[in-house]
Amino acid sequence: MTSKKVTSVQHLIDEFLLKNRNTAIISEKQGYRTQTITGKELALQYISKAEHNLNAFLHNKEGGFYDRTINIGFYAMYHCCLANT
């Protein structure tokens, strides 16, 4: 019996984006469509996600929600790394 690797949709999208930096997949009600964007635009989108996660990180840290803060901090760093590739 072979085991299948379980992956999330976001992981598959990120993997696709890493292979083809000039194409992004945009979710729509009836499926997916592709849109051509530049590498710089994609990097700015990742930076925007990282800034959002950093703000959420700081907000949760101040509120004492340390268990969630660690996860959010990871994704802030992750999106910074994606923007740098």
Protein backbone atom coordinates (compact mmCIF):
# COMPACT_ATOMS: atom_id res chain seq x y z
CA MET A 1 0.00 0.00 0.00
CA THR A 2 1.46 3.34 -1.02
CA SER A 3 0.86 6.49 0.99
CA LYS A 4 -0.10 9.74 -0.69
CA LYS A 5 1.45 13.00 0.40
CA VAL A 6 -1.29 15.25 1.79
CA THR A 7 -0.88 18.88 0.76
CA SER A 8 -3.00 21.96 1.17
CA VAL A 9 -4.29 24.04 -1.72
CA GLN A 10 -2.13 26.97 -0.56
CA HIS A 11 0.95 24.72 -0.63
CA LEU A 12 0.18 23.69 -4.21
CA ILE A 13 -0.33 27.32 -5.24
CA ASP A 14 2.95 28.36 -3.56
CA GLU A 15 4.78 25.49 -5.27
CA PHE A 16 3.39 26.57 -8.64
CA LEU A 17 4.39 30.18 -8.03
CA LEU A 18 7.93 29.16 -7.13
CA LYS A 19 8.24 27.28 -10.41
CA ASN A 20 6.72 30.06 -12.51
CA ARG A 21 7.33 33.44 -10.86
CA ASN A 22 5.41 35.41 -13.50
CA THR A 23 2.04 33.66 -13.12
CA ALA A 24 -0.37 33.75 -10.21
CA ILE A 25 -3.50 31.67 -9.70
CA ILE A 26 -6.57 33.64 -8.71
CA SER A 27 -9.51 31.88 -7.07
CA GLU A 28 -12.95 32.46 -8.57
CA LYS A 29 -16.37 31.04 -7.77
CA GLN A 30 -16.29 28.59 -10.67
CA GLY A 31 -12.66 27.52 -10.46
CA TYR A 32 -9.27 29.03 -11.14
CA ARG A 33 -7.93 31.37 -13.79
CA THR A 34 -4.42 32.59 -14.39
CA GLN A 35 -3.18 36.18 -14.49
CA THR A 36 0.26 37.27 -15.62
CA ILE A 37 2.06 39.53 -13.15
CA THR A 38 5.67 40.59 -12.81
CA GLY A 39 8.05 39.15 -10.25
CA LYS A 40 8.20 42.54 -8.54
CA GLU A 41 4.39 42.69 -8.17
CA LEU A 42 4.38 39.18 -6.73
CA ALA A 43 7.15 40.08 -4.27
CA LEU A 44 5.16 43.14 -3.16
CA GLN A 45 2.11 40.93 -2.57
CA TYR A 46 4.19 38.63 -0.36
CA ILE A 47 5.58 41.62 1.53
CA SER A 48 2.03 42.88 2.06
CA LYS A 49 1.05 39.47 3.49
CA ALA A 50 4.14 39.50 5.71
CA GLU A 51 3.28 42.99 7.04
CA HIS A 52 -0.28 41.89 7.75
CA ASN A 53 0.96 38.83 9.63
CA LEU A 54 3.49 40.92 11.55
CA ASN A 55 0.72 43.28 12.69
CA ALA A 56 -1.39 40.30 13.77
CA PHE A 57 1.67 38.85 15.54
CA LEU A 58 2.21 42.05 17.55
CA HIS A 59 -1.50 42.39 18.35
CA ASN A 60 -1.75 38.80 19.62
CA LYS A 61 1.51 39.11 21.56
CA GLU A 62 0.19 42.17 23.39
CA GLY A 63 -3.03 40.26 24.12
CA GLY A 64 -1.16 37.29 25.56
CA PHE A 65 -2.21 34.79 22.87
CA TYR A 66 1.24 33.24 22.61
CA ASP A 67 0.20 29.91 21.09
CA ARG A 68 -1.33 31.64 18.03
CA THR A 69 1.41 34.25 17.92
CA ILE A 70 4.07 31.65 17.14
CA ASN A 71 2.14 30.38 14.10
CA ILE A 72 1.52 33.89 12.79
CA GLY A 73 5.19 34.79 13.28
CA PHE A 74 6.19 31.78 11.20
CA TYR A 75 4.01 32.90 8.30
CA ALA A 76 5.34 36.46 8.51
CA MET A 77 8.85 35.08 8.02
CA TYR A 78 7.67 32.59 5.39
CA HIS A 79 6.14 35.31 3.21
CA CYS A 80 9.32 37.40 3.55
CA CYS A 81 11.30 34.43 2.25
CA LEU A 82 8.91 33.94 -0.67
CA ALA A 83 9.24 37.62 -1.58
CA ASN A 84 13.01 37.22 -1.65
CA THR A 85 13.08 34.24 -4.04
